[in-house]
Amino acid sequence: SEYSRYMEAMGAPAKLIRKYAFRNAVLPQITGLALQLGVIVAGALA
């Protein structure tokens, strides 16, 4: 994404860029967790 490219161009450490990337990437995973609850409950029944 653009903010990662911008941080890289500004000389930000790769570890810091990955940290911000992980924090943004985990948000859809939290939404996915809510959606998957019904699926895993059905899996638990089986």
All heavy atoms as atom14 arrays in JSON, in Angstrom:
{
  "sequence": "SEYSRYMEAMGAPAKLIRKYAFRNAVLPQITGLALQLGVIVAGALA",
  "atom14_mask": [
    [1, 1, 1, 1, 1, 1, 0, 0, 0, 0, 0, 0, 0, 0],
    [1, 1, 1, 1, 1, 1, 1, 1, 1, 0, 0, 0, 0, 0],
    [1, 1, 1, 1, 1, 1, 1, 1, 1, 1, 1, 1, 0, 0],
    [1, 1, 1, 1, 1, 1, 0, 0, 0, 0, 0, 0, 0, 0],
    [1, 1, 1, 1, 1, 1, 1, 1, 1, 1, 1, 0, 0, 0],
    [1, 1, 1, 1, 1, 1, 1, 1, 1, 1, 1, 1, 0, 0],
    [1, 1, 1, 1, 1, 1, 1, 1, 0, 0, 0, 0, 0, 0],
    [1, 1, 1, 1, 1, 1, 1, 1, 1, 0, 0, 0, 0, 0],
    [1, 1, 1, 1, 1, 0, 0, 0, 0, 0, 0, 0, 0, 0],
    [1, 1, 1, 1, 1, 1, 1, 1, 0, 0, 0, 0, 0, 0],
    [1, 1, 1, 1, 0, 0, 0, 0, 0, 0, 0, 0, 0, 0],
    [1, 1, 1, 1, 1, 0, 0, 0, 0, 0, 0, 0, 0, 0],
    [1, 1, 1, 1, 1, 1, 1, 0, 0, 0, 0, 0, 0, 0],
    [1, 1, 1, 1, 1, 0, 0, 0, 0, 0, 0, 0, 0, 0],
    [1, 1, 1, 1, 1, 1, 1, 1, 1, 0, 0, 0, 0, 0],
    [1, 1, 1, 1, 1, 1, 1, 1, 0, 0, 0, 0, 0, 0],
    [1, 1, 1, 1, 1, 1, 1, 1, 0, 0, 0, 0, 0, 0],
    [1, 1, 1, 1, 1, 1, 1, 1, 1, 1, 1, 0, 0, 0],
    [1, 1, 1, 1, 1, 1, 1, 1, 1, 0, 0, 0, 0, 0],
    [1, 1, 1, 1, 1, 1, 1, 1, 1, 1, 1, 1, 0, 0],
    [1, 1, 1, 1, 1, 0, 0, 0, 0, 0, 0, 0, 0, 0],
    [1, 1, 1, 1, 1, 1, 1, 1, 1, 1, 1, 0, 0, 0],
    [1, 1, 1, 1, 1, 1, 1, 1, 1, 1, 1, 0, 0, 0],
    [1, 1, 1, 1, 1, 1, 1, 1, 0, 0, 0, 0, 0, 0],
    [1, 1, 1, 1, 1, 0, 0, 0, 0, 0, 0, 0, 0, 0],
    [1, 1, 1, 1, 1, 1, 1, 0, 0, 0, 0, 0, 0, 0],
    [1, 1, 1, 1, 1, 1, 1, 1, 0, 0, 0, 0, 0, 0],
    [1, 1, 1, 1, 1, 1, 1, 0, 0, 0, 0, 0, 0, 0],
    [1, 1, 1, 1, 1, 1, 1, 1, 1, 0, 0, 0, 0, 0],
    [1, 1, 1, 1, 1, 1, 1, 1, 0, 0, 0, 0, 0, 0],
    [1, 1, 1, 1, 1, 1, 1, 0, 0, 0, 0, 0, 0, 0],
    [1, 1, 1, 1, 0, 0, 0, 0, 0, 0, 0, 0, 0, 0],
    [1, 1, 1, 1, 1, 1, 1, 1, 0, 0, 0, 0, 0, 0],
    [1, 1, 1, 1, 1, 0, 0, 0, 0, 0, 0, 0, 0, 0],
    [1, 1, 1, 1, 1, 1, 1, 1, 0, 0, 0, 0, 0, 0],
    [1, 1, 1, 1, 1, 1, 1, 1, 1, 0, 0, 0, 0, 0],
    [1, 1, 1, 1, 1, 1, 1, 1, 0, 0, 0, 0, 0, 0],
    [1, 1, 1, 1, 0, 0, 0, 0, 0, 0, 0, 0, 0, 0],
    [1, 1, 1, 1, 1, 1, 1, 0, 0, 0, 0, 0, 0, 0],
    [1, 1, 1, 1, 1, 1, 1, 1, 0, 0, 0, 0, 0, 0],
    [1, 1, 1, 1, 1, 1, 1, 0, 0, 0, 0, 0, 0, 0],
    [1, 1, 1, 1, 1, 0, 0, 0, 0, 0, 0, 0, 0, 0],
    [1, 1, 1, 1, 0, 0, 0, 0, 0, 0, 0, 0, 0, 0],
    [1, 1, 1, 1, 1, 0, 0, 0, 0, 0, 0, 0, 0, 0],
    [1, 1, 1, 1, 1, 1, 1, 1, 0, 0, 0, 0, 0, 0],
    [1, 1, 1, 1, 1, 0, 0, 0, 0, 0, 0, 0, 0, 0]
  ],
  "atom14_positions": [
    [[0.82, -1.2, 0.0], [0.0, 0.0, 0.0], [0.86, 1.26, 0.0], [2.08, 1.22, 0.23], [-0.93, 0.0, 1.22], [-0.17, 0.02, 2.4], [0.0, 0.0, 0.0], [0.0, 0.0, 0.0], [0.0, 0.0, 0.0], [0.0, 0.0, 0.0], [0.0, 0.0, 0.0], [0.0, 0.0, 0.0], [0.0, 0.0, 0.0], [0.0, 0.0, 0.0]],
    [[0.21, 2.39, -0.22], [0.94, 3.67, -0.36], [1.63, 4.09, 0.92], [2.75, 4.61, 0.89], [-0.04, 4.75, -0.82], [-0.55, 4.55, -2.25], [-1.46, 5.68, -2.69], [-1.69, 6.61, -1.88], [-1.92, 5.65, -3.85], [0.0, 0.0, 0.0], [0.0, 0.0, 0.0], [0.0, 0.0, 0.0], [0.0, 0.0, 0.0], [0.0, 0.0, 0.0]],
    [[0.97, 3.91, 2.07], [1.61, 4.36, 3.3], [2.87, 3.55, 3.61], [3.84, 4.08, 4.16], [0.62, 4.32, 4.47], [0.35, 2.95, 5.04], [1.17, 2.4, 6.04], [-0.72, 2.19, 4.6], [0.91, 1.16, 6.57], [-0.98, 0.94, 5.12], [-0.16, 0.43, 6.1], [-0.41, -0.81, 6.62], [0.0, 0.0, 0.0], [0.0, 0.0, 0.0]],
    [[2.88, 2.25, 3.25], [4.07, 1.44, 3.46], [5.21, 1.92, 2.53], [6.37, 2.01, 2.96], [3.77, -0.04, 3.2], [2.84, -0.53, 4.15], [0.0, 0.0, 0.0], [0.0, 0.0, 0.0], [0.0, 0.0, 0.0], [0.0, 0.0, 0.0], [0.0, 0.0, 0.0], [0.0, 0.0, 0.0], [0.0, 0.0, 0.0], [0.0, 0.0, 0.0]],
    [[4.85, 2.22, 1.28], [5.86, 2.72, 0.34], [6.41, 4.08, 0.81], [7.61, 4.35, 0.7], [5.25, 2.87, -1.05], [4.77, 1.57, -1.67], [5.93, 0.64, -1.96], [5.52, -0.53, -2.71], [6.3, -1.55, -2.97], [7.57, -1.53, -2.54], [5.87, -2.59, -3.66], [0.0, 0.0, 0.0], [0.0, 0.0, 0.0], [0.0, 0.0, 0.0]],
    [[5.51, 4.91, 1.34], [5.93, 6.22, 1.82], [6.87, 6.09, 3.01], [7.9, 6.76, 3.09], [4.7, 7.05, 2.19], [5.03, 8.41, 2.74], [5.42, 9.44, 1.89], [4.96, 8.67, 4.11], [5.74, 10.7, 2.39], [5.27, 9.92, 4.62], [5.66, 10.93, 3.75], [5.98, 12.17, 4.25], [0.0, 0.0, 0.0], [0.0, 0.0, 0.0]],
    [[6.51, 5.22, 3.97], [7.36, 5.01, 5.13], [8.73, 4.46, 4.72], [9.77, 4.83, 5.27], [6.68, 4.05, 6.12], [5.46, 4.63, 6.81], [4.65, 3.44, 7.9], [5.9, 3.24, 9.17], [0.0, 0.0, 0.0], [0.0, 0.0, 0.0], [0.0, 0.0, 0.0], [0.0, 0.0, 0.0], [0.0, 0.0, 0.0], [0.0, 0.0, 0.0]],
    [[8.72, 3.55, 3.73], [9.98, 2.98, 3.24], [10.84, 4.06, 2.6], [12.07, 4.12, 2.81], [9.67, 1.86, 2.25], [10.89, 1.11, 1.77], [10.54, -0.02, 0.82], [9.34, -0.23, 0.53], [11.48, -0.69, 0.33], [0.0, 0.0, 0.0], [0.0, 0.0, 0.0], [0.0, 0.0, 0.0], [0.0, 0.0, 0.0], [0.0, 0.0, 0.0]],
    [[10.21, 4.97, 1.82], [10.96, 6.06, 1.16], [11.52, 7.04, 2.18], [12.58, 7.65, 1.96], [10.04, 6.78, 0.18], [0.0, 0.0, 0.0], [0.0, 0.0, 0.0], [0.0, 0.0, 0.0], [0.0, 0.0, 0.0], [0.0, 0.0, 0.0], [0.0, 0.0, 0.0], [0.0, 0.0, 0.0], [0.0, 0.0, 0.0], [0.0, 0.0, 0.0]],
    [[10.82, 7.19, 3.33], [11.29, 8.1, 4.37], [12.36, 7.48, 5.25], [12.87, 8.1, 6.17], [10.1, 8.53, 5.24], [9.07, 9.39, 4.5], [9.73, 10.98, 3.97], [9.98, 11.79, 5.54], [0.0, 0.0, 0.0], [0.0, 0.0, 0.0], [0.0, 0.0, 0.0], [0.0, 0.0, 0.0], [0.0, 0.0, 0.0], [0.0, 0.0, 0.0]],
    [[12.69, 6.2, 4.97], [13.76, 5.55, 5.71], [13.32, 4.87, 6.99], [14.15, 4.57, 7.87], [0.0, 0.0, 0.0], [0.0, 0.0, 0.0], [0.0, 0.0, 0.0], [0.0, 0.0, 0.0], [0.0, 0.0, 0.0], [0.0, 0.0, 0.0], [0.0, 0.0, 0.0], [0.0, 0.0, 0.0], [0.0, 0.0, 0.0], [0.0, 0.0, 0.0]],
    [[12.01, 4.61, 7.13], [11.53, 3.92, 8.33], [12.04, 2.49, 8.36], [12.16, 1.84, 7.31], [9.99, 3.92, 8.34], [0.0, 0.0, 0.0], [0.0, 0.0, 0.0], [0.0, 0.0, 0.0], [0.0, 0.0, 0.0], [0.0, 0.0, 0.0], [0.0, 0.0, 0.0], [0.0, 0.0, 0.0], [0.0, 0.0, 0.0], [0.0, 0.0, 0.0]],
    [[12.37, 1.96, 9.53], [12.85, 0.57, 9.64], [11.79, -0.42, 9.15], [10.59, -0.18, 9.3], [13.1, 0.39, 11.14], [13.19, 1.77, 11.7], [12.32, 2.63, 10.85], [0.0, 0.0, 0.0], [0.0, 0.0, 0.0], [0.0, 0.0, 0.0], [0.0, 0.0, 0.0], [0.0, 0.0, 0.0], [0.0, 0.0, 0.0], [0.0, 0.0, 0.0]],
    [[12.26, -1.51, 8.57], [11.33, -2.53, 8.05], [10.47, -3.1, 9.17], [9.29, -3.43, 8.96], [12.13, -3.64, 7.37], [0.0, 0.0, 0.0], [0.0, 0.0, 0.0], [0.0, 0.0, 0.0], [0.0, 0.0, 0.0], [0.0, 0.0, 0.0], [0.0, 0.0, 0.0], [0.0, 0.0, 0.0], [0.0, 0.0, 0.0], [0.0, 0.0, 0.0]],
    [[11.03, -3.21, 10.38], [10.27, -3.74, 11.51], [9.08, -2.85, 11.84], [7.99, -3.34, 12.15], [11.19, -3.88, 12.72], [10.53, -4.54, 13.93], [11.54, -4.71, 15.06], [10.87, -5.39, 16.26], [11.83, -5.56, 17.38], [0.0, 0.0, 0.0], [0.0, 0.0, 0.0], [0.0, 0.0, 0.0], [0.0, 0.0, 0.0], [0.0, 0.0, 0.0]],
    [[9.28, -1.52, 11.78], [8.2, -0.59, 12.07], [7.12, -0.66, 10.99], [5.91, -0.62, 11.3], [8.76, 0.83, 12.16], [7.74, 1.94, 12.47], [7.11, 1.72, 13.83], [8.4, 3.32, 12.4], [0.0, 0.0, 0.0], [0.0, 0.0, 0.0], [0.0, 0.0, 0.0], [0.0, 0.0, 0.0], [0.0, 0.0, 0.0], [0.0, 0.0, 0.0]],
    [[7.54, -0.78, 9.73], [6.56, -0.88, 8.64], [5.71, -2.15, 8.8], [4.49, -2.12, 8.64], [7.29, -0.89, 7.28], [8.04, 0.44, 7.07], [6.3, -1.12, 6.14], [8.91, 0.45, 5.83], [0.0, 0.0, 0.0], [0.0, 0.0, 0.0], [0.0, 0.0, 0.0], [0.0, 0.0, 0.0], [0.0, 0.0, 0.0], [0.0, 0.0, 0.0]],
    [[6.38, -3.25, 9.14], [5.64, -4.51, 9.33], [4.69, -4.42, 10.52], [3.6, -5.0, 10.51], [6.63, -5.67, 9.52], [7.39, -6.04, 8.26], [8.02, -7.42, 8.4], [8.97, -7.47, 9.51], [10.29, -7.25, 9.39], [10.78, -6.95, 8.19], [11.09, -7.32, 10.42], [0.0, 0.0, 0.0], [0.0, 0.0, 0.0], [0.0, 0.0, 0.0]],
    [[5.08, -3.66, 11.55], [4.23, -3.5, 12.73], [2.93, -2.79, 12.35], [1.84, -3.21, 12.73], [4.97, -2.71, 13.8], [4.16, -2.48, 15.07], [4.96, -1.68, 16.08], [4.12, -1.38, 17.34], [4.87, -0.58, 18.32], [0.0, 0.0, 0.0], [0.0, 0.0, 0.0], [0.0, 0.0, 0.0], [0.0, 0.0, 0.0], [0.0, 0.0, 0.0]],
    [[3.04, -1.69, 11.58], [1.85, -0.96, 11.14], [1.02, -1.82, 10.18], [-0.22, -1.79, 10.22], [2.25, 0.35, 10.47], [2.49, 1.47, 11.46], [3.78, 1.82, 11.84], [1.42, 2.17, 12.01], [4.0, 2.85, 12.75], [1.64, 3.2, 12.92], [2.92, 3.54, 13.29], [3.13, 4.55, 14.2], [0.0, 0.0, 0.0], [0.0, 0.0, 0.0]],
    [[1.69, -2.56, 9.32], [0.97, -3.43, 8.38], [0.16, -4.5, 9.12], [-0.98, -4.78, 8.77], [1.96, -4.08, 7.42], [0.0, 0.0, 0.0], [0.0, 0.0, 0.0], [0.0, 0.0, 0.0], [0.0, 0.0, 0.0], [0.0, 0.0, 0.0], [0.0, 0.0, 0.0], [0.0, 0.0, 0.0], [0.0, 0.0, 0.0], [0.0, 0.0, 0.0]],
    [[0.77, -5.06, 10.17], [0.07, -6.1, 10.95], [-1.14, -5.51, 11.67], [-2.21, -6.13, 11.7], [1.02, -6.74, 11.95], [0.4, -7.84, 12.76], [0.3, -9.12, 12.25], [-0.11, -7.59, 14.03], [-0.29, -10.15, 12.99], [-0.7, -8.6, 14.78], [-0.78, -9.87, 14.25], [0.0, 0.0, 0.0], [0.0, 0.0, 0.0], [0.0, 0.0, 0.0]],
    [[-0.98, -4.31, 12.24], [-2.1, -3.7, 12.97], [-3.27, -3.41, 12.04], [-4.44, -3.57, 12.42], [-1.63, -2.41, 13.64], [-0.71, -2.63, 14.82], [-0.26, -1.32, 15.43], [-1.38, -0.54, 15.92], [-1.24, 0.66, 16.47], [-0.04, 1.22, 16.57], [-2.31, 1.32, 16.9], [0.0, 0.0, 0.0], [0.0, 0.0, 0.0], [0.0, 0.0, 0.0]],
    [[-3.0, -2.99, 10.82], [-4.08, -2.74, 9.86], [-4.65, -4.04, 9.31], [-5.86, -4.14, 9.04], [-3.58, -1.87, 8.7], [-3.34, -0.43, 9.13], [-4.03, 0.09, 9.99], [-2.34, 0.21, 8.54], [0.0, 0.0, 0.0], [0.0, 0.0, 0.0], [0.0, 0.0, 0.0], [0.0, 0.0, 0.0], [0.0, 0.0, 0.0], [0.0, 0.0, 0.0]],
    [[-3.79, -5.04, 9.12], [-4.25, -6.3, 8.55], [-5.1, -7.1, 9.53], [-5.94, -7.91, 9.1], [-3.04, -7.14, 8.11], [0.0, 0.0, 0.0], [0.0, 0.0, 0.0], [0.0, 0.0, 0.0], [0.0, 0.0, 0.0], [0.0, 0.0, 0.0], [0.0, 0.0, 0.0], [0.0, 0.0, 0.0], [0.0, 0.0, 0.0], [0.0, 0.0, 0.0]],
    [[-4.9, -6.89, 10.82], [-5.62, -7.7, 11.8], [-7.08, -7.24, 11.94], [-7.92, -8.0, 12.43], [-4.91, -7.64, 13.18], [-5.26, -6.38, 13.96], [-5.23, -8.88, 14.01], [0.0, 0.0, 0.0], [0.0, 0.0, 0.0], [0.0, 0.0, 0.0], [0.0, 0.0, 0.0], [0.0, 0.0, 0.0], [0.0, 0.0, 0.0], [0.0, 0.0, 0.0]],
    [[-7.4, -6.01, 11.51], [-8.78, -5.51, 11.64], [-9.78, -6.35, 10.85], [-10.82, -6.74, 11.38], [-8.85, -4.04, 11.23], [-8.05, -3.07, 12.11], [-8.13, -1.66, 11.55], [-8.58, -3.09, 13.54], [0.0, 0.0, 0.0], [0.0, 0.0, 0.0], [0.0, 0.0, 0.0], [0.0, 0.0, 0.0], [0.0, 0.0, 0.0], [0.0, 0.0, 0.0]],
    [[-9.53, -6.65, 9.55], [-10.46, -7.55, 8.84], [-10.52, -8.94, 9.47], [-11.55, -9.61, 9.38], [-9.87, -7.61, 7.42], [-9.05, -6.39, 7.29], [-8.49, -6.13, 8.65], [0.0, 0.0, 0.0], [0.0, 0.0, 0.0], [0.0, 0.0, 0.0], [0.0, 0.0, 0.0], [0.0, 0.0, 0.0], [0.0, 0.0, 0.0], [0.0, 0.0, 0.0]],
    [[-9.43, -9.36, 10.11], [-9.44, -10.67, 10.76], [-10.37, -10.7, 11.97], [-10.97, -11.73, 12.28], [-8.02, -11.05, 11.19], [-7.05, -11.29, 10.04], [-7.38, -12.54, 9.25], [-8.2, -12.51, 8.34], [-6.73, -13.64, 9.59], [0.0, 0.0, 0.0], [0.0, 0.0, 0.0], [0.0, 0.0, 0.0], [0.0, 0.0, 0.0], [0.0, 0.0, 0.0]],
    [[-10.48, -9.55, 12.65], [-11.43, -9.46, 13.77], [-12.86, -9.56, 13.25], [-13.7, -10.26, 13.82], [-11.22, -8.15, 14.55], [-9.84, -8.15, 15.21], [-12.31, -7.95, 15.6], [-9.49, -6.85, 15.91], [0.0, 0.0, 0.0], [0.0, 0.0, 0.0], [0.0, 0.0, 0.0], [0.0, 0.0, 0.0], [0.0, 0.0, 0.0], [0.0, 0.0, 0.0]],
    [[-13.12, -8.88, 12.14], [-14.44, -8.99, 11.5], [-14.69, -10.44, 11.07], [-15.78, -10.98, 11.25], [-14.53, -8.06, 10.28], [-14.22, -6.72, 10.69], [-15.92, -8.09, 9.67], [0.0, 0.0, 0.0], [0.0, 0.0, 0.0], [0.0, 0.0, 0.0], [0.0, 0.0, 0.0], [0.0, 0.0, 0.0], [0.0, 0.0, 0.0], [0.0, 0.0, 0.0]],
    [[-13.66, -11.06, 10.49], [-13.78, -12.45, 10.08], [-14.05, -13.39, 11.24], [-14.77, -14.38, 11.1], [0.0, 0.0, 0.0], [0.0, 0.0, 0.0], [0.0, 0.0, 0.0], [0.0, 0.0, 0.0], [0.0, 0.0, 0.0], [0.0, 0.0, 0.0], [0.0, 0.0, 0.0], [0.0, 0.0, 0.0], [0.0, 0.0, 0.0], [0.0, 0.0, 0.0]],
    [[-13.49, -13.06, 12.41], [-13.73, -13.88, 13.59], [-15.21, -13.89, 13.95], [-15.77, -14.93, 14.28], [-12.9, -13.34, 14.76], [-13.06, -14.07, 16.1], [-12.66, -15.53, 15.98], [-12.24, -13.38, 17.18], [0.0, 0.0, 0.0], [0.0, 0.0, 0.0], [0.0, 0.0, 0.0], [0.0, 0.0, 0.0], [0.0, 0.0, 0.0], [0.0, 0.0, 0.0]],
    [[-15.86, -12.72, 13.87], [-17.3, -12.64, 14.15], [-18.09, -13.48, 13.15], [-19.04, -14.19, 13.52], [-17.75, -11.19, 14.1], [0.0, 0.0, 0.0], [0.0, 0.0, 0.0], [0.0, 0.0, 0.0], [0.0, 0.0, 0.0], [0.0, 0.0, 0.0], [0.0, 0.0, 0.0], [0.0, 0.0, 0.0], [0.0, 0.0, 0.0], [0.0, 0.0, 0.0]],
    [[-17.71, -13.41, 11.87], [-18.42, -14.16, 10.84], [-18.19, -15.67, 10.96], [-19.05, -16.47, 10.6], [-17.99, -13.68, 9.45], [-18.31, -12.22, 9.12], [-17.7, -11.84, 7.77], [-19.81, -11.97, 9.11], [0.0, 0.0, 0.0], [0.0, 0.0, 0.0], [0.0, 0.0, 0.0], [0.0, 0.0, 0.0], [0.0, 0.0, 0.0], [0.0, 0.0, 0.0]],
    [[-17.02, -16.07, 11.46], [-16.66, -17.48, 11.53], [-17.22, -18.18, 12.76], [-17.17, -19.4, 12.85], [-15.14, -17.63, 11.53], [-14.49, -17.44, 10.18], [-14.84, -18.56, 9.22], [-14.88, -19.72, 9.59], [-15.11, -18.21, 7.98], [0.0, 0.0, 0.0], [0.0, 0.0, 0.0], [0.0, 0.0, 0.0], [0.0, 0.0, 0.0], [0.0, 0.0, 0.0]],
    [[-17.75, -17.42, 13.72], [-18.23, -18.04, 14.95], [-19.33, -19.06, 14.67], [-19.34, -20.16, 15.21], [-18.74, -16.98, 15.92], [-17.65, -16.2, 16.66], [-18.26, -15.05, 17.44], [-16.88, -17.12, 17.6], [0.0, 0.0, 0.0], [0.0, 0.0, 0.0], [0.0, 0.0, 0.0], [0.0, 0.0, 0.0], [0.0, 0.0, 0.0], [0.0, 0.0, 0.0]],
    [[-20.28, -18.69, 13.79], [-21.33, -19.63, 13.46], [-20.81, -20.85, 12.75], [-21.29, -21.97, 12.97], [0.0, 0.0, 0.0], [0.0, 0.0, 0.0], [0.0, 0.0, 0.0], [0.0, 0.0, 0.0], [0.0, 0.0, 0.0], [0.0, 0.0, 0.0], [0.0, 0.0, 0.0], [0.0, 0.0, 0.0], [0.0, 0.0, 0.0], [0.0, 0.0, 0.0]],
    [[-19.79, -20.68, 11.9], [-19.22, -21.8, 11.16], [-18.53, -22.78, 12.11], [-18.71, -23.99, 12.0], [-18.22, -21.3, 10.1], [-17.55, -22.47, 9.39], [-18.93, -20.39, 9.1], [0.0, 0.0, 0.0], [0.0, 0.0, 0.0], [0.0, 0.0, 0.0], [0.0, 0.0, 0.0], [0.0, 0.0, 0.0], [0.0, 0.0, 0.0], [0.0, 0.0, 0.0]],
    [[-17.75, -22.25, 13.05], [-17.01, -23.14, 13.94], [-17.96, -23.83, 14.93], [-17.72, -24.96, 15.35], [-15.88, -22.4, 14.68], [-14.9, -23.42, 15.3], [-16.42, -21.48, 15.75], [-13.65, -22.8, 15.86], [0.0, 0.0, 0.0], [0.0, 0.0, 0.0], [0.0, 0.0, 0.0], [0.0, 0.0, 0.0], [0.0, 0.0, 0.0], [0.0, 0.0, 0.0]],
    [[-19.06, -23.16, 15.29], [-20.06, -23.82, 16.14], [-20.67, -25.0, 15.4], [-20.85, -26.09, 15.96], [-21.15, -22.81, 16.58], [-22.34, -23.54, 17.18], [-20.58, -21.82, 17.59], [0.0, 0.0, 0.0], [0.0, 0.0, 0.0], [0.0, 0.0, 0.0], [0.0, 0.0, 0.0], [0.0, 0.0, 0.0], [0.0, 0.0, 0.0], [0.0, 0.0, 0.0]],
    [[-20.98, -24.8, 14.11], [-21.5, -25.92, 13.3], [-20.46, -27.04, 13.2], [-20.8, -28.22, 13.25], [-21.88, -25.42, 11.91], [0.0, 0.0, 0.0], [0.0, 0.0, 0.0], [0.0, 0.0, 0.0], [0.0, 0.0, 0.0], [0.0, 0.0, 0.0], [0.0, 0.0, 0.0], [0.0, 0.0, 0.0], [0.0, 0.0, 0.0], [0.0, 0.0, 0.0]],
    [[-19.18, -26.64, 13.05], [-18.12, -27.64, 13.01], [-18.0, -28.38, 14.32], [-17.73, -29.6, 14.35], [0.0, 0.0, 0.0], [0.0, 0.0, 0.0], [0.0, 0.0, 0.0], [0.0, 0.0, 0.0], [0.0, 0.0, 0.0], [0.0, 0.0, 0.0], [0.0, 0.0, 0.0], [0.0, 0.0, 0.0], [0.0, 0.0, 0.0], [0.0, 0.0, 0.0]],
    [[-18.22, -27.68, 15.43], [-18.16, -28.33, 16.74], [-19.27, -29.35, 16.9], [-19.07, -30.42, 17.5], [-18.24, -27.28, 17.85], [0.0, 0.0, 0.0], [0.0, 0.0, 0.0], [0.0, 0.0, 0.0], [0.0, 0.0, 0.0], [0.0, 0.0, 0.0], [0.0, 0.0, 0.0], [0.0, 0.0, 0.0], [0.0, 0.0, 0.0], [0.0, 0.0, 0.0]],
    [[-20.46, -29.05, 16.35], [-21.56, -30.01, 16.43], [-21.19, -31.31, 15.73], [-21.42, -32.4, 16.25], [-22.82, -29.4, 15.79], [-23.36, -28.11, 16.41], [-24.65, -27.7, 15.72], [-23.58, -28.26, 17.89], [0.0, 0.0, 0.0], [0.0, 0.0, 0.0], [0.0, 0.0, 0.0], [0.0, 0.0, 0.0], [0.0, 0.0, 0.0], [0.0, 0.0, 0.0]],
    [[-20.61, -31.18, 14.53], [-20.21, -32.38, 13.78], [-19.09, -33.13, 14.5], [-19.07, -34.36, 14.55], [-19.77, -31.99, 12.37], [0.0, 0.0, 0.0], [0.0, 0.0, 0.0], [0.0, 0.0, 0.0], [0.0, 0.0, 0.0], [0.0, 0.0, 0.0], [0.0, 0.0, 0.0], [0.0, 0.0, 0.0], [0.0, 0.0, 0.0], [0.0, 0.0, 0.0]]
  ]
}
